[in-house]
């Protein structure tokens, strides 16, 4: 690996302002698509550092894109960050650290990066916790495929990378029946609630005949608030269907829809199936993961652990379905602590959190520099990505 002392020194010189920014974002938690303060802090800092900033990327007011070009041509390294909080609890997932850490890496690459031509592109991606902002940005025309590699940072109980994540499809399902008096004219009614209950039962039978990694969840949203002596005219539920392979998940979704339609047929009701969200699984690139962890070891990051083989759903998967990518998780909270918990909130402004901002910046700056300085290594990363993408799509 190349000499990175200049980049590390650059990050150390900016550590105080980066950690103060993280504390500010923590102290002013904002929900998805309303992160105006956080987005403003991040974009103002990038403008001050000489990046060309586009606010409102992909039509989302709190999204942004910031670019630094060194010469013409060369690789385009993407650095992505999130900054939304959770309702009721605030920054219980460490998103307040991501932007400042990514900015530190970007500044180091701009001011003390390797020789040669390259582009650093920082994407601010809002609303990961709610409407999956990266997916909205893609739908609205943001071209993440311009990147050669996409990198992220996330707080964690130890320092490690992920291998797989769950693809997810979220559905709103509404059964429409015919209302009637349940005692006087029951034969006139067609119960939407009966349709929904049969759908739930059908899903339970479906569970036995899918791969072990498939997860199906559901809950009743409502059935019109009708009294018990009225046949329900509408009934609504929310469903999640997940798998570690998007291609396989798509085949399960077709069977899932047949269950819902069959329940409607049995009850002579109509069913409306609306897909509200589609999150892709990560396509892992182990060579890139190894490079990131080598850079974590180079800066003596705390509590380095083996890769986490499986994790939940993230809209970063939709990026990693398009370009090679990886996320370094940096220790700042007690090992074993659950995200979206008070433990993450309690650790949010500790010295460990401040150090994680700096460690994340150094790890990602070092990783990006290695890829820029070694075209053969970058080509190998991209080749592995294409191979794994073909393998997933063939299942």
Protein backbone atom coordinates (compact mmCIF):
# COMPACT_ATOMS: atom_id res chain seq x y z
CA UNK A 1 0.00 0.00 0.00
CA UNK A 2 1.12 3.56 -0.72
CA UNK A 3 2.35 6.06 1.87
CA UNK A 4 -0.73 7.66 3.41
CA UNK A 5 0.79 9.83 6.13
CA UNK A 6 -0.14 13.02 4.31
CA UNK A 7 -3.79 12.00 4.15
CA UNK A 8 -3.81 10.95 7.80
CA UNK A 9 -2.27 14.28 8.80
CA UNK A 10 -4.90 16.13 6.77
CA UNK A 11 -7.69 14.24 8.55
CA UNK A 12 -6.15 14.81 11.98
CA UNK A 13 -5.92 18.54 11.26
CA UNK A 14 -9.66 18.63 10.54
CA UNK A 15 -10.72 16.21 13.28
CA UNK A 16 -12.08 18.86 15.66
CA UNK A 17 -14.36 20.50 13.11
CA UNK A 18 -15.51 17.12 11.82
CA UNK A 19 -16.41 15.82 15.28
CA UNK A 20 -18.09 19.11 16.19
CA UNK A 21 -20.18 18.71 13.04
CA UNK A 22 -21.10 15.17 14.10
CA UNK A 23 -22.14 16.46 17.53
CA UNK A 24 -24.25 19.19 15.94
CA UNK A 25 -26.07 16.69 13.74
CA UNK A 26 -26.56 14.45 16.79
CA UNK A 27 -27.99 17.33 18.85
CA UNK A 28 -30.44 18.28 16.09
CA UNK A 29 -31.92 14.96 14.88
CA UNK A 30 -33.97 15.22 11.70
CA UNK A 31 -36.20 12.60 10.12
CA UNK A 32 -35.85 11.42 6.54
CA UNK A 33 -36.33 14.05 3.82
CA UNK A 34 -36.28 16.76 6.51
CA UNK A 35 -32.53 16.74 7.22
CA UNK A 36 -32.11 20.39 6.21
CA UNK A 37 -29.68 21.33 8.97
CA UNK A 38 -27.48 18.25 8.49
CA UNK A 39 -27.45 18.59 4.71
CA UNK A 40 -26.66 22.29 5.04
CA UNK A 41 -23.73 21.65 7.36
CA UNK A 42 -22.26 19.01 5.08
CA UNK A 43 -22.67 20.93 1.82
CA UNK A 44 -21.35 24.19 3.30
CA UNK A 45 -18.22 22.39 4.47
CA UNK A 46 -17.71 20.75 1.08
CA UNK A 47 -18.09 24.08 -0.70
CA UNK A 48 -15.53 25.61 1.64
CA UNK A 49 -13.16 22.75 0.80
CA UNK A 50 -13.47 23.46 -2.93
CA UNK A 51 -15.91 20.77 -4.05
CA UNK A 52 -18.49 21.52 -6.73
CA UNK A 53 -21.78 20.97 -4.92
CA UNK A 54 -25.17 20.17 -6.42
CA UNK A 55 -27.96 20.48 -3.86
CA UNK A 56 -31.25 18.66 -4.26
CA UNK A 57 -29.74 15.75 -6.19
CA UNK A 58 -32.37 13.48 -7.68
CA UNK A 59 -35.13 15.91 -6.80
CA UNK A 60 -34.76 15.33 -3.05
CA UNK A 61 -34.27 18.62 -1.21
CA UNK A 62 -31.87 17.22 1.37
CA UNK A 63 -29.83 15.09 -1.05
CA UNK A 64 -26.63 16.37 -2.62
CA UNK A 65 -23.74 15.53 -4.89
CA UNK A 66 -20.27 17.04 -4.48
CA UNK A 67 -17.42 16.51 -6.93
CA UNK A 68 -13.68 17.11 -7.02
CA UNK A 69 -11.81 16.30 -10.24
CA UNK A 70 -8.06 15.97 -10.40
CA UNK A 71 -7.24 16.11 -14.08
CA UNK A 72 -9.21 14.32 -16.76
CA UNK A 73 -10.05 10.64 -16.72
CA UNK A 74 -9.04 8.15 -14.09
CA UNK A 75 -11.30 6.34 -11.62
CA UNK A 76 -14.35 7.91 -10.01
CA UNK A 77 -14.50 6.99 -6.33
CA UNK A 78 -17.89 7.40 -4.65
CA UNK A 79 -18.23 8.25 -0.96
CA UNK A 80 -21.81 7.97 0.30
CA UNK A 81 -23.31 9.16 3.58
CA UNK A 82 -26.62 9.16 5.44
CA UNK A 83 -27.74 11.65 8.10
CA UNK A 84 -31.35 10.89 9.00
CA UNK A 85 -32.46 10.13 12.56
CA UNK A 86 -35.11 7.80 13.95
CA UNK A 87 -38.51 8.97 15.22
CA UNK A 88 -38.78 9.28 18.98
CA UNK A 89 -35.20 8.33 19.81
CA UNK A 90 -32.99 10.45 17.54
CA UNK A 91 -29.61 9.25 16.29
CA UNK A 92 -29.81 5.65 17.45
CA UNK A 93 -28.08 4.26 14.36
CA UNK A 94 -24.98 6.45 14.24
CA UNK A 95 -25.90 8.30 11.06
CA UNK A 96 -24.68 11.56 12.59
CA UNK A 97 -21.11 10.27 12.22
CA UNK A 98 -21.28 9.21 8.60
CA UNK A 99 -21.24 12.57 6.85
CA UNK A 100 -18.35 14.06 8.83
CA UNK A 101 -16.32 10.87 8.41
CA UNK A 102 -16.95 10.78 4.65
CA UNK A 103 -16.06 14.47 4.38
CA UNK A 104 -12.77 13.82 6.15
CA UNK A 105 -11.91 11.11 3.64
CA UNK A 106 -12.92 13.32 0.71
CA UNK A 107 -10.81 16.24 1.92
CA UNK A 108 -7.79 14.01 2.46
CA UNK A 109 -8.05 12.60 -1.06
CA UNK A 110 -8.39 16.10 -2.50
CA UNK A 111 -5.56 17.70 -0.57
CA UNK A 112 -3.09 14.84 -0.08
CA UNK A 113 -4.24 12.03 -2.36
CA UNK A 114 -2.18 9.89 -4.72
CA UNK A 115 -0.59 10.96 -7.98
CA UNK A 116 -2.56 10.64 -11.18
CA UNK A 117 -5.99 11.69 -12.36
CA UNK A 118 -9.16 10.78 -10.48
CA UNK A 119 -12.55 12.04 -9.35
CA UNK A 120 -14.00 12.02 -5.85
CA UNK A 121 -17.80 12.11 -5.76
CA UNK A 122 -19.59 12.54 -2.44
CA UNK A 123 -23.27 11.64 -2.37
CA UNK A 124 -25.53 12.76 0.45
CA UNK A 125 -28.35 10.22 0.60
CA UNK A 126 -31.27 11.10 2.89
CA UNK A 127 -34.05 9.02 4.44
CA UNK A 128 -32.34 5.62 4.60
CA UNK A 129 -34.45 4.68 7.61
CA UNK A 130 -37.82 5.49 6.05
CA UNK A 131 -38.36 5.78 2.31
CA UNK A 132 -34.88 4.58 1.24
CA UNK A 133 -33.51 7.75 -0.30
CA UNK A 134 -30.94 6.01 -2.50
CA UNK A 135 -33.74 4.16 -4.29
CA UNK A 136 -35.63 7.41 -4.86
CA UNK A 137 -32.46 9.04 -6.19
CA UNK A 138 -31.98 6.16 -8.64
CA UNK A 139 -35.61 6.35 -9.77
CA UNK A 140 -35.21 10.10 -10.27
CA UNK A 141 -32.22 9.69 -12.56
CA UNK A 142 -29.13 9.92 -10.35
CA UNK A 143 -26.47 7.92 -12.16
CA UNK A 144 -24.58 6.03 -9.47
CA UNK A 145 -23.20 3.83 -12.25
CA UNK A 146 -20.77 6.63 -13.08
CA UNK A 147 -18.81 5.43 -10.04
CA UNK A 148 -16.07 2.83 -10.24
CA UNK A 149 -16.48 2.01 -6.55
CA UNK A 150 -18.92 3.13 -3.82
CA UNK A 151 -17.77 3.33 -0.19
CA UNK A 152 -19.58 4.03 3.08
CA UNK A 153 -18.92 4.23 6.82
CA UNK A 154 -21.23 3.17 9.67
CA UNK A 155 -20.91 3.09 13.44
CA UNK A 156 -20.86 -0.32 15.12
CA UNK A 157 -19.82 -2.31 18.18
CA UNK A 158 -16.66 -3.49 16.42
CA UNK A 159 -14.70 -2.71 13.26
CA UNK A 160 -15.66 -4.99 10.40
CA UNK A 161 -17.23 -5.23 6.95
CA UNK A 162 -20.41 -6.99 5.80
CA UNK A 163 -20.74 -9.75 3.24
CA UNK A 164 -24.46 -10.18 2.57
CA UNK A 165 -27.58 -8.13 3.23
CA UNK A 166 -31.25 -8.97 2.88
CA UNK A 167 -33.15 -7.91 -0.19
CA UNK A 168 -36.58 -6.65 0.81
CA UNK A 169 -39.89 -5.92 -0.85
CA UNK A 170 -42.55 -4.08 1.15
CA UNK A 171 -46.20 -4.33 0.12
CA UNK A 172 -49.39 -2.56 1.05
CA UNK A 173 -52.22 -5.05 0.57
CA UNK A 174 -55.88 -3.99 0.61
CA UNK A 175 -58.82 -6.37 0.34
CA UNK A 176 -62.09 -4.91 -0.92
CA UNK A 177 -65.33 -6.71 -0.08
CA UNK A 178 -69.04 -5.95 0.22
CA UNK A 179 -70.49 -4.59 3.43
CA UNK A 180 -73.65 -6.10 4.92
CA UNK A 181 -75.36 -6.60 8.27
CA UNK A 182 -73.72 -9.71 9.70
CA UNK A 183 -76.89 -10.88 11.48
CA UNK A 184 -79.71 -9.81 9.17
CA UNK A 185 -78.20 -10.18 5.67
CA UNK A 186 -74.90 -12.07 6.00
CA UNK A 187 -75.39 -13.69 2.60
CA UNK A 188 -75.09 -10.27 0.98
CA UNK A 189 -71.67 -9.62 2.46
CA UNK A 190 -68.21 -10.48 1.20
CA UNK A 191 -65.72 -9.98 4.02
CA UNK A 192 -62.48 -8.19 3.20
CA UNK A 193 -61.21 -9.30 6.60
CA UNK A 194 -61.85 -12.95 5.72
CA UNK A 195 -59.73 -12.47 2.63
CA UNK A 196 -56.92 -10.98 4.66
CA UNK A 197 -57.04 -13.71 7.32
CA UNK A 198 -56.90 -16.40 4.65
CA UNK A 199 -53.94 -14.60 3.10
CA UNK A 200 -52.13 -14.73 6.45
CA UNK A 201 -52.83 -18.45 6.70
CA UNK A 202 -51.63 -19.01 3.15
CA UNK A 203 -48.37 -17.24 3.91
CA UNK A 204 -47.83 -19.59 6.86
CA UNK A 205 -48.18 -22.60 4.53
CA UNK A 206 -45.86 -20.95 2.00
CA UNK A 207 -43.10 -20.66 4.64
CA UNK A 208 -42.52 -24.43 4.57
CA UNK A 209 -41.66 -24.41 0.88
CA UNK A 210 -39.10 -21.63 0.54
CA UNK A 211 -35.37 -21.45 1.24
CA UNK A 212 -34.22 -20.99 4.82
CA UNK A 213 -33.14 -17.39 4.29
CA UNK A 214 -36.61 -16.20 3.21
CA UNK A 215 -38.39 -14.11 5.83
CA UNK A 216 -42.02 -12.99 5.63
CA UNK A 217 -43.60 -10.54 8.07
CA UNK A 218 -47.06 -9.02 8.20
CA UNK A 219 -49.30 -6.87 10.36
CA UNK A 220 -52.87 -5.62 10.18
CA UNK A 221 -53.09 -1.91 9.39
CA UNK A 222 -56.88 -1.72 9.75
CA UNK A 223 -60.29 -2.95 8.63
CA UNK A 224 -62.31 0.23 8.46
CA UNK A 225 -63.18 0.41 12.15
CA UNK A 226 -66.49 -1.33 11.54
CA UNK A 227 -68.43 -2.87 14.45
CA UNK A 228 -68.51 -6.65 14.78
CA UNK A 229 -72.03 -6.92 13.34
CA UNK A 230 -71.00 -5.35 10.02
CA UNK A 231 -69.19 -7.37 7.36
CA UNK A 232 -65.90 -5.44 6.77
CA UNK A 233 -65.79 -3.77 3.37
CA UNK A 234 -62.02 -3.13 3.46
CA UNK A 235 -59.05 -4.66 5.25
CA UNK A 236 -55.46 -3.52 4.92
CA UNK A 237 -52.15 -5.09 5.89
CA UNK A 238 -48.45 -4.43 5.47
CA UNK A 239 -46.13 -7.23 4.31
CA UNK A 240 -42.35 -7.56 4.13
CA UNK A 241 -40.72 -10.36 2.12
CA UNK A 242 -36.93 -10.82 2.34
CA UNK A 243 -34.11 -13.00 1.05
CA UNK A 244 -30.34 -12.67 0.73
CA UNK A 245 -30.70 -13.03 -3.05
CA UNK A 246 -32.82 -10.54 -5.02
CA UNK A 247 -33.25 -12.86 -8.00
CA UNK A 248 -34.58 -15.66 -5.80
CA UNK A 249 -36.72 -13.20 -3.85
CA UNK A 250 -38.45 -12.16 -7.06
CA UNK A 251 -39.55 -15.76 -7.63
CA UNK A 252 -40.93 -15.93 -4.08
CA UNK A 253 -42.83 -12.69 -4.59
CA UNK A 254 -44.69 -14.21 -7.53
CA UNK A 255 -45.80 -17.09 -5.30
CA UNK A 256 -46.63 -14.64 -2.50
CA UNK A 257 -48.92 -12.70 -4.84
CA UNK A 258 -50.68 -15.91 -5.89
CA UNK A 259 -51.46 -16.62 -2.22
CA UNK A 260 -53.01 -13.16 -1.86
CA UNK A 261 -54.99 -13.57 -5.08
CA UNK A 262 -56.13 -17.05 -4.05
CA UNK A 263 -57.47 -15.70 -0.76
CA UNK A 264 -59.43 -13.10 -2.71
CA UNK A 265 -60.84 -15.78 -5.01
CA UNK A 266 -61.98 -17.92 -2.07
CA UNK A 267 -63.80 -15.02 -0.44
CA UNK A 268 -65.11 -13.37 -3.62
CA UNK A 269 -63.28 -10.18 -2.72
CA UNK A 270 -60.83 -8.05 -4.67
CA UNK A 271 -57.21 -7.57 -3.63
CA UNK A 272 -55.00 -4.57 -4.33
CA UNK A 273 -51.24 -5.27 -4.09
CA UNK A 274 -48.99 -2.22 -4.01
CA UNK A 275 -45.21 -2.58 -3.81
CA UNK A 276 -44.05 0.36 -1.69
CA UNK A 277 -40.34 -0.39 -1.56
CA UNK A 278 -37.83 -2.70 -3.24
CA UNK A 279 -34.42 -2.97 -1.59
CA UNK A 280 -31.75 -5.07 -3.29
CA UNK A 281 -29.31 -7.38 -1.54
CA UNK A 282 -25.65 -6.43 -1.48
CA UNK A 283 -23.45 -8.07 -4.08
CA UNK A 284 -20.30 -8.59 -2.02
CA UNK A 285 -16.81 -7.96 -3.31
CA UNK A 286 -14.43 -9.83 -1.02
CA UNK A 287 -11.30 -8.32 -2.56
CA UNK A 288 -12.64 -4.84 -1.74
CA UNK A 289 -13.60 -5.98 1.76
CA UNK A 290 -10.07 -7.30 2.32
CA UNK A 291 -8.58 -4.01 1.14
CA UNK A 292 -10.77 -2.03 3.54
CA UNK A 293 -9.81 -4.24 6.47
CA UNK A 294 -6.11 -3.94 5.58
CA UNK A 295 -6.55 -0.18 5.83
CA UNK A 296 -8.37 -0.59 9.15
CA UNK A 297 -5.43 -2.56 10.49
CA UNK A 298 -3.00 0.04 9.15
CA UNK A 299 -4.55 2.73 11.39
CA UNK A 300 -5.02 0.40 14.38
CA UNK A 301 -8.79 0.74 14.36
CA UNK A 302 -10.43 -0.58 17.55
CA UNK A 303 -11.89 -4.06 18.01
CA UNK A 304 -11.21 -5.43 14.53
CA UNK A 305 -13.32 -8.50 13.87
CA UNK A 306 -14.01 -10.97 11.05
CA UNK A 307 -16.60 -9.92 8.45
CA UNK A 308 -20.25 -10.02 9.44
CA UNK A 309 -21.61 -12.65 7.07
CA UNK A 310 -25.23 -11.53 7.12
CA UNK A 311 -27.03 -8.32 7.99
CA UNK A 312 -30.42 -6.66 7.53
CA UNK A 313 -31.79 -4.62 4.65
CA UNK A 314 -30.23 -1.39 3.41
CA UNK A 315 -30.76 0.76 0.34
CA UNK A 316 -26.98 0.67 -0.13
CA UNK A 317 -27.76 -2.75 -1.63
CA UNK A 318 -29.35 -0.96 -4.59
CA UNK A 319 -26.03 0.83 -5.14
CA UNK A 320 -24.04 -2.39 -4.70
CA UNK A 321 -26.21 -4.03 -7.37
CA UNK A 322 -24.86 -1.44 -9.80
CA UNK A 323 -21.21 -0.89 -8.84
CA UNK A 324 -18.68 -2.55 -6.53
CA UNK A 325 -19.12 -1.28 -3.00
CA UNK A 326 -18.53 -1.86 0.67
CA UNK A 327 -19.16 -0.26 4.06
CA UNK A 328 -16.67 -0.13 6.90
CA UNK A 329 -18.35 -0.45 10.28
CA UNK A 330 -16.26 1.29 12.93
CA UNK A 331 -16.39 0.51 16.66
CA UNK A 332 -17.77 3.25 18.90
CA UNK A 333 -20.39 1.54 21.07
CA UNK A 334 -20.16 -1.48 23.36
CA UNK A 335 -19.74 -4.68 21.38
CA UNK A 336 -23.05 -6.48 21.07
CA UNK A 337 -25.16 -3.34 21.45
CA UNK A 338 -28.18 -3.27 19.17
CA UNK A 339 -28.61 -0.47 16.68
CA UNK A 340 -31.81 1.59 17.00
CA UNK A 341 -31.34 1.36 20.77
CA UNK A 342 -30.61 3.72 23.65
CA UNK A 343 -27.09 2.26 23.79
CA UNK A 344 -26.32 3.89 20.45
CA UNK A 345 -27.79 7.19 21.63
CA UNK A 346 -25.79 7.13 24.86
CA UNK A 347 -22.55 6.59 22.90
CA UNK A 348 -23.33 9.16 20.22
CA UNK A 349 -21.11 11.99 21.52
CA UNK A 350 -18.46 10.01 23.38
CA UNK A 351 -14.76 10.14 22.68
CA UNK A 352 -15.16 6.73 21.04
CA UNK A 353 -17.71 8.22 18.62
CA UNK A 354 -15.33 11.07 17.81
CA UNK A 355 -12.51 8.60 17.20
CA UNK A 356 -14.79 6.54 14.93
CA UNK A 357 -15.33 9.59 12.72
CA UNK A 358 -11.57 9.91 12.31
CA UNK A 359 -10.89 6.19 11.91
CA UNK A 360 -13.61 5.89 9.28
CA UNK A 361 -12.17 8.81 7.32
CA UNK A 362 -8.66 7.34 7.37
CA UNK A 363 -9.81 3.84 6.43
CA UNK A 364 -11.85 5.01 3.45
CA UNK A 365 -9.28 7.55 2.28
CA UNK A 366 -6.64 4.82 2.40
CA UNK A 367 -8.85 2.36 0.55
CA UNK A 368 -9.69 4.88 -2.17
CA UNK A 369 -6.03 5.84 -2.54
CA UNK A 370 -5.02 2.20 -3.04
CA UNK A 371 -7.62 1.77 -5.77
CA UNK A 372 -6.57 4.98 -7.50
CA UNK A 373 -2.86 4.15 -7.34
CA UNK A 374 -3.24 0.56 -8.54
CA UNK A 375 -5.36 0.24 -11.71
CA UNK A 376 -4.82 -3.53 -11.73
CA UNK A 377 -6.31 -3.82 -8.24
CA UNK A 378 -9.33 -1.74 -9.25
CA UNK A 379 -9.81 -3.89 -12.34
CA UNK A 380 -9.75 -7.04 -10.19
CA UNK A 381 -12.37 -5.56 -7.86
CA UNK A 382 -14.62 -4.74 -10.81
CA UNK A 383 -14.11 -8.17 -12.36
CA UNK A 384 -15.08 -9.91 -9.11
CA UNK A 385 -18.18 -7.73 -8.88
CA UNK A 386 -19.30 -8.66 -12.40
CA UNK A 387 -18.70 -12.36 -11.72
CA UNK A 388 -20.74 -12.31 -8.51
CA UNK A 389 -23.51 -10.30 -10.15
CA UNK A 390 -23.83 -12.93 -12.88
CA UNK A 391 -23.86 -15.69 -10.26
CA UNK A 392 -26.68 -14.04 -8.34
CA UNK A 393 -28.80 -13.44 -11.43
CA UNK A 394 -28.43 -17.08 -12.51
CA UNK A 395 -30.02 -18.51 -9.37
